[in-house]
Amino acid sequence: MSSVFTKIIQRQIPAHIVAEDDRYIAFLDIMPLTEGHTLVVPKSETDYIFDLDDDTLTGLHLFSKHVAASLKKVTGCNRVGVAVLGMEVPHAHIHLVPMNSMRDMNFANPKMKLSQEQLAAIAERIRKSMQP
C-alpha cells in the first residue's frame, strides 16, 4: 500500500521539496517542530528503516548529511538534530530538525503552523543554499 510519502515522490500530492536525486527525496514537514524541519525519505517503499539494505541505509544518511548542512546554514541553528521515529507513516524516513536546545527536538511540543507561502519561502532558501 502506498504511503503519503510515495504519493509525494510520485507527485500525486504536493510537497515543499528541498532536495532530490534518483534514490532519495527531502521535503519540509508541514507540521514542523522548528522552522526548516525536514523529512528525508528513500524512494523505495520500505516501512522500517532497519529493513533497508545497507547501501540504501548508508545513502540515506549521506543524503541527509548534505541536507542538514544547508538547514544549518539557512536557519542559523546550533545543530541539526536527527530522529527516526517511524510510527507515523509506514515508510522509512529521517527527521532533520534545526535546533538550538534539546527542547527543540521534543516531539510532544506543539507543532508550528506555517502557511504554504512561508513553507515555500523556507524551501526556496534551502534549495538555493544547496547549489554549488
N, C-alpha and C. Protein backbone atom coordinates (compact mmCIF):
# COMPACT_ATOMS: atom_id res chain seq x y z
N MET A 1 0.84 -1.18 0.00
CA MET A 1 0.00 0.00 0.00
C MET A 1 0.89 1.25 0.00
N SER A 2 0.60 2.18 -0.87
CA SER A 2 1.38 3.40 -0.97
C SER A 2 1.16 4.29 0.24
N SER A 3 2.24 4.85 0.74
CA SER A 3 2.15 5.80 1.84
C SER A 3 2.01 7.21 1.28
N VAL A 4 1.75 8.15 2.15
CA VAL A 4 1.70 9.55 1.75
C VAL A 4 3.05 9.97 1.17
N PHE A 5 4.13 9.39 1.64
CA PHE A 5 5.45 9.73 1.10
C PHE A 5 5.60 9.24 -0.34
N THR A 6 5.09 8.06 -0.63
CA THR A 6 5.13 7.56 -2.01
C THR A 6 4.34 8.49 -2.92
N LYS A 7 3.22 8.98 -2.43
CA LYS A 7 2.41 9.91 -3.23
C LYS A 7 3.15 11.22 -3.46
N ILE A 8 3.94 11.66 -2.50
CA ILE A 8 4.78 12.85 -2.71
C ILE A 8 5.86 12.55 -3.74
N ILE A 9 6.53 11.42 -3.61
CA ILE A 9 7.58 11.01 -4.55
C ILE A 9 7.03 10.96 -5.97
N GLN A 10 5.81 10.44 -6.13
CA GLN A 10 5.19 10.30 -7.44
C GLN A 10 4.47 11.56 -7.90
N ARG A 11 4.57 12.62 -7.08
CA ARG A 11 3.95 13.93 -7.39
C ARG A 11 2.43 13.85 -7.48
N GLN A 12 1.85 12.91 -6.74
CA GLN A 12 0.40 12.81 -6.67
C GLN A 12 -0.17 13.81 -5.68
N ILE A 13 0.63 14.21 -4.70
CA ILE A 13 0.26 15.27 -3.78
C ILE A 13 1.45 16.22 -3.67
N PRO A 14 1.18 17.50 -3.40
CA PRO A 14 2.28 18.48 -3.37
C PRO A 14 3.10 18.40 -2.08
N ALA A 15 4.32 18.87 -2.18
CA ALA A 15 5.21 18.96 -1.03
C ALA A 15 6.22 20.06 -1.33
N HIS A 16 6.83 20.57 -0.29
CA HIS A 16 7.88 21.58 -0.42
C HIS A 16 9.22 20.86 -0.43
N ILE A 17 9.61 20.41 -1.62
CA ILE A 17 10.81 19.61 -1.81
C ILE A 17 12.04 20.50 -1.75
N VAL A 18 13.03 20.08 -0.96
CA VAL A 18 14.26 20.86 -0.83
C VAL A 18 15.44 20.18 -1.51
N ALA A 19 15.39 18.87 -1.72
CA ALA A 19 16.48 18.15 -2.38
C ALA A 19 15.94 16.83 -2.91
N GLU A 20 16.55 16.37 -4.00
CA GLU A 20 16.11 15.11 -4.58
C GLU A 20 17.20 14.57 -5.50
N ASP A 21 17.34 13.27 -5.51
CA ASP A 21 18.14 12.60 -6.52
C ASP A 21 17.37 11.36 -6.95
N ASP A 22 18.02 10.43 -7.62
CA ASP A 22 17.29 9.27 -8.13
C ASP A 22 16.88 8.28 -7.03
N ARG A 23 17.46 8.39 -5.82
CA ARG A 23 17.16 7.43 -4.75
C ARG A 23 16.49 8.01 -3.51
N TYR A 24 16.61 9.34 -3.31
CA TYR A 24 16.13 9.96 -2.08
C TYR A 24 15.45 11.29 -2.38
N ILE A 25 14.61 11.69 -1.43
CA ILE A 25 13.93 12.98 -1.54
C ILE A 25 13.85 13.58 -0.14
N ALA A 26 13.96 14.90 -0.07
CA ALA A 26 13.84 15.62 1.20
C ALA A 26 12.82 16.73 1.02
N PHE A 27 11.89 16.83 1.96
CA PHE A 27 10.85 17.85 1.88
C PHE A 27 10.50 18.33 3.28
N LEU A 28 9.96 19.55 3.34
CA LEU A 28 9.62 20.13 4.62
C LEU A 28 8.45 19.40 5.26
N ASP A 29 8.54 19.25 6.57
CA ASP A 29 7.43 18.73 7.36
C ASP A 29 6.37 19.83 7.40
N ILE A 30 5.12 19.50 7.11
CA ILE A 30 4.08 20.53 7.07
C ILE A 30 3.60 20.93 8.46
N MET A 31 3.98 20.16 9.48
CA MET A 31 3.69 20.50 10.88
C MET A 31 5.01 20.43 11.65
N PRO A 32 5.91 21.38 11.38
CA PRO A 32 7.27 21.28 11.91
C PRO A 32 7.39 21.60 13.40
N LEU A 33 8.42 21.03 13.99
CA LEU A 33 8.80 21.39 15.36
C LEU A 33 9.48 22.75 15.36
N THR A 34 10.33 22.98 14.37
CA THR A 34 11.04 24.24 14.20
C THR A 34 11.07 24.58 12.72
N GLU A 35 11.36 25.83 12.42
CA GLU A 35 11.44 26.25 11.02
C GLU A 35 12.55 25.46 10.32
N GLY A 36 12.21 24.85 9.20
CA GLY A 36 13.17 24.06 8.44
C GLY A 36 13.11 22.57 8.70
N HIS A 37 12.29 22.12 9.65
CA HIS A 37 12.13 20.69 9.95
C HIS A 37 11.86 19.95 8.63
N THR A 38 12.73 19.03 8.31
CA THR A 38 12.71 18.35 7.01
C THR A 38 12.66 16.84 7.20
N LEU A 39 11.95 16.19 6.30
CA LEU A 39 11.89 14.72 6.26
C LEU A 39 12.73 14.25 5.08
N VAL A 40 13.56 13.25 5.32
CA VAL A 40 14.39 12.66 4.27
C VAL A 40 13.96 11.22 4.10
N VAL A 41 13.65 10.85 2.85
CA VAL A 41 12.96 9.59 2.57
C VAL A 41 13.63 8.86 1.41
N PRO A 42 13.83 7.55 1.55
CA PRO A 42 14.26 6.80 0.37
C PRO A 42 13.07 6.65 -0.58
N LYS A 43 13.34 6.63 -1.85
CA LYS A 43 12.23 6.48 -2.81
C LYS A 43 11.69 5.07 -2.84
N SER A 44 12.47 4.11 -2.41
CA SER A 44 11.98 2.74 -2.35
C SER A 44 11.02 2.62 -1.17
N GLU A 45 9.94 1.88 -1.36
CA GLU A 45 8.95 1.71 -0.30
C GLU A 45 9.39 0.63 0.68
N THR A 46 9.84 1.06 1.84
CA THR A 46 10.20 0.16 2.92
C THR A 46 9.67 0.81 4.19
N ASP A 47 8.95 0.06 4.99
CA ASP A 47 8.32 0.61 6.19
C ASP A 47 9.34 0.93 7.27
N TYR A 48 10.15 -0.03 7.64
CA TYR A 48 11.04 0.08 8.80
C TYR A 48 12.46 0.40 8.35
N ILE A 49 13.04 1.44 8.90
CA ILE A 49 14.34 1.91 8.44
C ILE A 49 15.41 0.82 8.48
N PHE A 50 15.36 -0.06 9.48
CA PHE A 50 16.39 -1.09 9.58
C PHE A 50 16.10 -2.31 8.70
N ASP A 51 15.02 -2.24 7.91
CA ASP A 51 14.79 -3.23 6.86
C ASP A 51 15.40 -2.78 5.53
N LEU A 52 15.90 -1.54 5.47
CA LEU A 52 16.58 -1.07 4.25
C LEU A 52 17.87 -1.86 4.06
N ASP A 53 18.22 -2.11 2.81
CA ASP A 53 19.51 -2.76 2.57
C ASP A 53 20.61 -1.78 2.97
N ASP A 54 21.80 -2.31 3.22
CA ASP A 54 22.90 -1.50 3.75
C ASP A 54 23.24 -0.32 2.85
N ASP A 55 23.22 -0.52 1.54
CA ASP A 55 23.56 0.55 0.61
C ASP A 55 22.54 1.69 0.68
N THR A 56 21.26 1.34 0.75
CA THR A 56 20.21 2.36 0.82
C THR A 56 20.26 3.09 2.16
N LEU A 57 20.47 2.37 3.24
CA LEU A 57 20.55 2.99 4.56
C LEU A 57 21.75 3.95 4.64
N THR A 58 22.89 3.52 4.13
CA THR A 58 24.07 4.38 4.12
C THR A 58 23.82 5.61 3.26
N GLY A 59 23.26 5.40 2.08
CA GLY A 59 22.97 6.52 1.18
C GLY A 59 21.99 7.51 1.78
N LEU A 60 21.00 7.00 2.50
CA LEU A 60 20.01 7.86 3.14
C LEU A 60 20.69 8.80 4.14
N HIS A 61 21.63 8.27 4.90
CA HIS A 61 22.33 9.09 5.88
C HIS A 61 23.28 10.09 5.22
N LEU A 62 23.94 9.69 4.16
CA LEU A 62 24.82 10.63 3.45
C LEU A 62 24.02 11.73 2.77
N PHE A 63 22.88 11.38 2.19
CA PHE A 63 21.99 12.39 1.58
C PHE A 63 21.51 13.35 2.67
N SER A 64 21.14 12.80 3.82
CA SER A 64 20.68 13.62 4.95
C SER A 64 21.76 14.58 5.42
N LYS A 65 23.01 14.14 5.39
CA LYS A 65 24.13 14.98 5.82
C LYS A 65 24.20 16.25 4.97
N HIS A 66 24.01 16.13 3.66
CA HIS A 66 24.05 17.29 2.77
C HIS A 66 22.88 18.23 3.04
N VAL A 67 21.72 17.66 3.25
CA VAL A 67 20.54 18.47 3.55
C VAL A 67 20.75 19.19 4.89
N ALA A 68 21.26 18.49 5.88
CA ALA A 68 21.48 19.08 7.20
C ALA A 68 22.44 20.27 7.13
N ALA A 69 23.46 20.18 6.31
CA ALA A 69 24.41 21.29 6.18
C ALA A 69 23.69 22.54 5.67
N SER A 70 22.79 22.37 4.72
CA SER A 70 22.02 23.51 4.21
C SER A 70 21.05 24.03 5.25
N LEU A 71 20.41 23.13 5.99
CA LEU A 71 19.48 23.56 7.04
C LEU A 71 20.21 24.42 8.07
N LYS A 72 21.39 23.99 8.46
CA LYS A 72 22.16 24.74 9.46
C LYS A 72 22.52 26.13 8.93
N LYS A 73 22.93 26.19 7.68
CA LYS A 73 23.31 27.46 7.07
C LYS A 73 22.10 28.40 6.97
N VAL A 74 20.98 27.89 6.53
CA VAL A 74 19.79 28.72 6.29
C VAL A 74 19.12 29.17 7.59
N THR A 75 19.04 28.27 8.56
CA THR A 75 18.32 28.60 9.79
C THR A 75 19.20 29.26 10.84
N GLY A 76 20.51 29.10 10.73
CA GLY A 76 21.41 29.65 11.73
C GLY A 76 21.36 28.92 13.06
N CYS A 77 20.84 27.70 13.05
CA CYS A 77 20.72 26.92 14.28
C CYS A 77 22.09 26.45 14.76
N ASN A 78 22.15 26.02 16.02
CA ASN A 78 23.40 25.48 16.57
C ASN A 78 23.71 24.09 16.04
N ARG A 79 22.67 23.28 15.90
CA ARG A 79 22.80 21.89 15.44
C ARG A 79 21.57 21.52 14.62
N VAL A 80 21.69 20.46 13.87
CA VAL A 80 20.53 19.84 13.24
C VAL A 80 20.37 18.48 13.89
N GLY A 81 19.28 18.31 14.61
CA GLY A 81 19.00 17.05 15.27
C GLY A 81 18.47 16.02 14.30
N VAL A 82 18.73 14.77 14.59
CA VAL A 82 18.29 13.66 13.75
C VAL A 82 17.42 12.74 14.59
N ALA A 83 16.26 12.38 14.04
CA ALA A 83 15.37 11.45 14.74
C ALA A 83 14.78 10.47 13.74
N VAL A 84 14.67 9.25 14.17
CA VAL A 84 13.98 8.22 13.41
C VAL A 84 12.90 7.68 14.33
N LEU A 85 11.65 7.98 14.00
CA LEU A 85 10.54 7.52 14.82
C LEU A 85 9.84 6.36 14.12
N GLY A 86 9.40 6.61 12.92
CA GLY A 86 8.86 5.54 12.10
C GLY A 86 7.50 5.00 12.45
N MET A 87 6.77 5.68 13.30
CA MET A 87 5.45 5.18 13.68
C MET A 87 4.32 5.91 12.96
N GLU A 88 4.58 7.14 12.53
CA GLU A 88 3.50 7.95 11.99
C GLU A 88 3.19 7.69 10.51
N VAL A 89 4.17 7.28 9.74
CA VAL A 89 3.98 6.96 8.32
C VAL A 89 4.73 5.67 8.04
N PRO A 90 4.08 4.69 7.40
CA PRO A 90 4.75 3.41 7.15
C PRO A 90 5.70 3.46 5.95
N HIS A 91 6.69 4.33 6.05
CA HIS A 91 7.71 4.49 5.02
C HIS A 91 8.95 5.03 5.75
N ALA A 92 10.06 4.34 5.63
CA ALA A 92 11.28 4.74 6.33
C ALA A 92 11.59 6.21 6.06
N HIS A 93 11.97 6.93 7.11
CA HIS A 93 12.33 8.34 6.95
C HIS A 93 13.10 8.84 8.16
N ILE A 94 13.81 9.93 7.91
CA ILE A 94 14.60 10.60 8.95
C ILE A 94 14.06 12.01 9.11
N HIS A 95 13.91 12.44 10.36
CA HIS A 95 13.56 13.83 10.66
C HIS A 95 14.87 14.59 10.87
N LEU A 96 15.03 15.71 10.19
CA LEU A 96 16.12 16.64 10.45
C LEU A 96 15.50 17.89 11.04
N VAL A 97 15.86 18.21 12.28
CA VAL A 97 15.23 19.31 13.00
C VAL A 97 16.28 20.34 13.41
N PRO A 98 16.24 21.54 12.80
CA PRO A 98 17.14 22.60 13.27
C PRO A 98 16.87 22.87 14.75
N MET A 99 17.94 22.94 15.54
CA MET A 99 17.73 23.09 16.98
C MET A 99 18.79 23.98 17.61
N ASN A 100 18.36 24.68 18.64
CA ASN A 100 19.26 25.50 19.44
C ASN A 100 19.34 24.98 20.87
N SER A 101 18.42 24.09 21.24
CA SER A 101 18.47 23.43 22.54
C SER A 101 17.80 22.06 22.39
N MET A 102 17.99 21.22 23.38
CA MET A 102 17.39 19.88 23.32
C MET A 102 15.87 19.95 23.31
N ARG A 103 15.31 21.00 23.87
CA ARG A 103 13.85 21.15 23.89
C ARG A 103 13.27 21.22 22.48
N ASP A 104 14.05 21.68 21.51
CA ASP A 104 13.57 21.80 20.13
C ASP A 104 13.28 20.45 19.49
N MET A 105 13.85 19.37 20.05
CA MET A 105 13.66 18.03 19.49
C MET A 105 12.58 17.23 20.20
N ASN A 106 11.80 17.87 21.05
CA ASN A 106 10.75 17.18 21.78
C ASN A 106 9.51 17.07 20.88
N PHE A 107 9.21 15.88 20.43
CA PHE A 107 8.09 15.69 19.52
C PHE A 107 6.73 15.84 20.21
N ALA A 108 6.73 16.00 21.51
CA ALA A 108 5.49 16.31 22.23
C ALA A 108 5.19 17.80 22.22
N ASN A 109 6.16 18.62 21.79
CA ASN A 109 5.94 20.07 21.71
C ASN A 109 4.84 20.38 20.70
N PRO A 110 4.15 21.49 20.89
CA PRO A 110 3.19 21.92 19.87
C PRO A 110 3.91 22.16 18.55
N LYS A 111 3.26 21.78 17.47
CA LYS A 111 3.85 21.96 16.14
C LYS A 111 3.58 23.38 15.66
N MET A 112 4.48 23.86 14.82
CA MET A 112 4.30 25.18 14.21
C MET A 112 3.21 25.09 13.15
N LYS A 113 2.52 26.17 12.96
CA LYS A 113 1.52 26.25 11.91
C LYS A 113 1.96 27.33 10.93
N LEU A 114 2.65 26.92 9.88
CA LEU A 114 3.17 27.84 8.87
C LEU A 114 2.27 27.80 7.64
N SER A 115 2.14 28.93 6.98
CA SER A 115 1.35 28.99 5.75
C SER A 115 2.11 28.32 4.62
N GLN A 116 1.40 28.00 3.55
CA GLN A 116 2.04 27.43 2.37
C GLN A 116 3.08 28.39 1.81
N GLU A 117 2.80 29.68 1.89
CA GLU A 117 3.74 30.68 1.39
C GLU A 117 5.01 30.69 2.24
N GLN A 118 4.85 30.58 3.56
CA GLN A 118 6.03 30.54 4.44
C GLN A 118 6.85 29.29 4.17
N LEU A 119 6.18 28.14 4.03
CA LEU A 119 6.89 26.89 3.73
C LEU A 119 7.62 26.98 2.39
N ALA A 120 6.97 27.55 1.40
CA ALA A 120 7.58 27.69 0.08
C ALA A 120 8.83 28.57 0.15
N ALA A 121 8.78 29.64 0.92
CA ALA A 121 9.93 30.53 1.05
C ALA A 121 11.09 29.83 1.76
N ILE A 122 10.79 29.07 2.79
CA ILE A 122 11.83 28.32 3.51
C ILE A 122 12.47 27.30 2.58
N ALA A 123 11.63 26.56 1.85
CA ALA A 123 12.14 25.54 0.92
C ALA A 123 13.04 26.18 -0.14
N GLU A 124 12.64 27.32 -0.64
CA GLU A 124 13.44 28.01 -1.67
C GLU A 124 14.81 28.40 -1.11
N ARG A 125 14.85 28.91 0.11
CA ARG A 125 16.14 29.29 0.73
C ARG A 125 17.03 28.07 0.89
N ILE A 126 16.43 26.95 1.30
CA ILE A 126 17.22 25.72 1.48
C ILE A 126 17.75 25.23 0.14
N ARG A 127 16.89 25.20 -0.87
CA ARG A 127 17.33 24.75 -2.21
C ARG A 127 18.48 25.63 -2.73
N LYS A 128 18.33 26.93 -2.58
CA LYS A 128 19.38 27.84 -3.07
C LYS A 128 20.70 27.61 -2.34
N SER A 129 20.64 27.32 -1.05
CA SER A 129 21.87 27.12 -0.29
C SER A 129 22.58 25.82 -0.67
N MET A 130 21.85 24.90 -1.30
CA MET A 130 22.45 23.62 -1.70
C MET A 130 23.14 23.69 -3.05
N GLN A 131 22.89 24.77 -3.79
CA GLN A 131 23.51 24.88 -5.10
C GLN A 131 24.98 25.21 -4.95
N PRO A 132 25.80 24.62 -5.84
CA PRO A 132 27.26 24.85 -5.74
C PRO A 132 27.64 26.29 -6.06
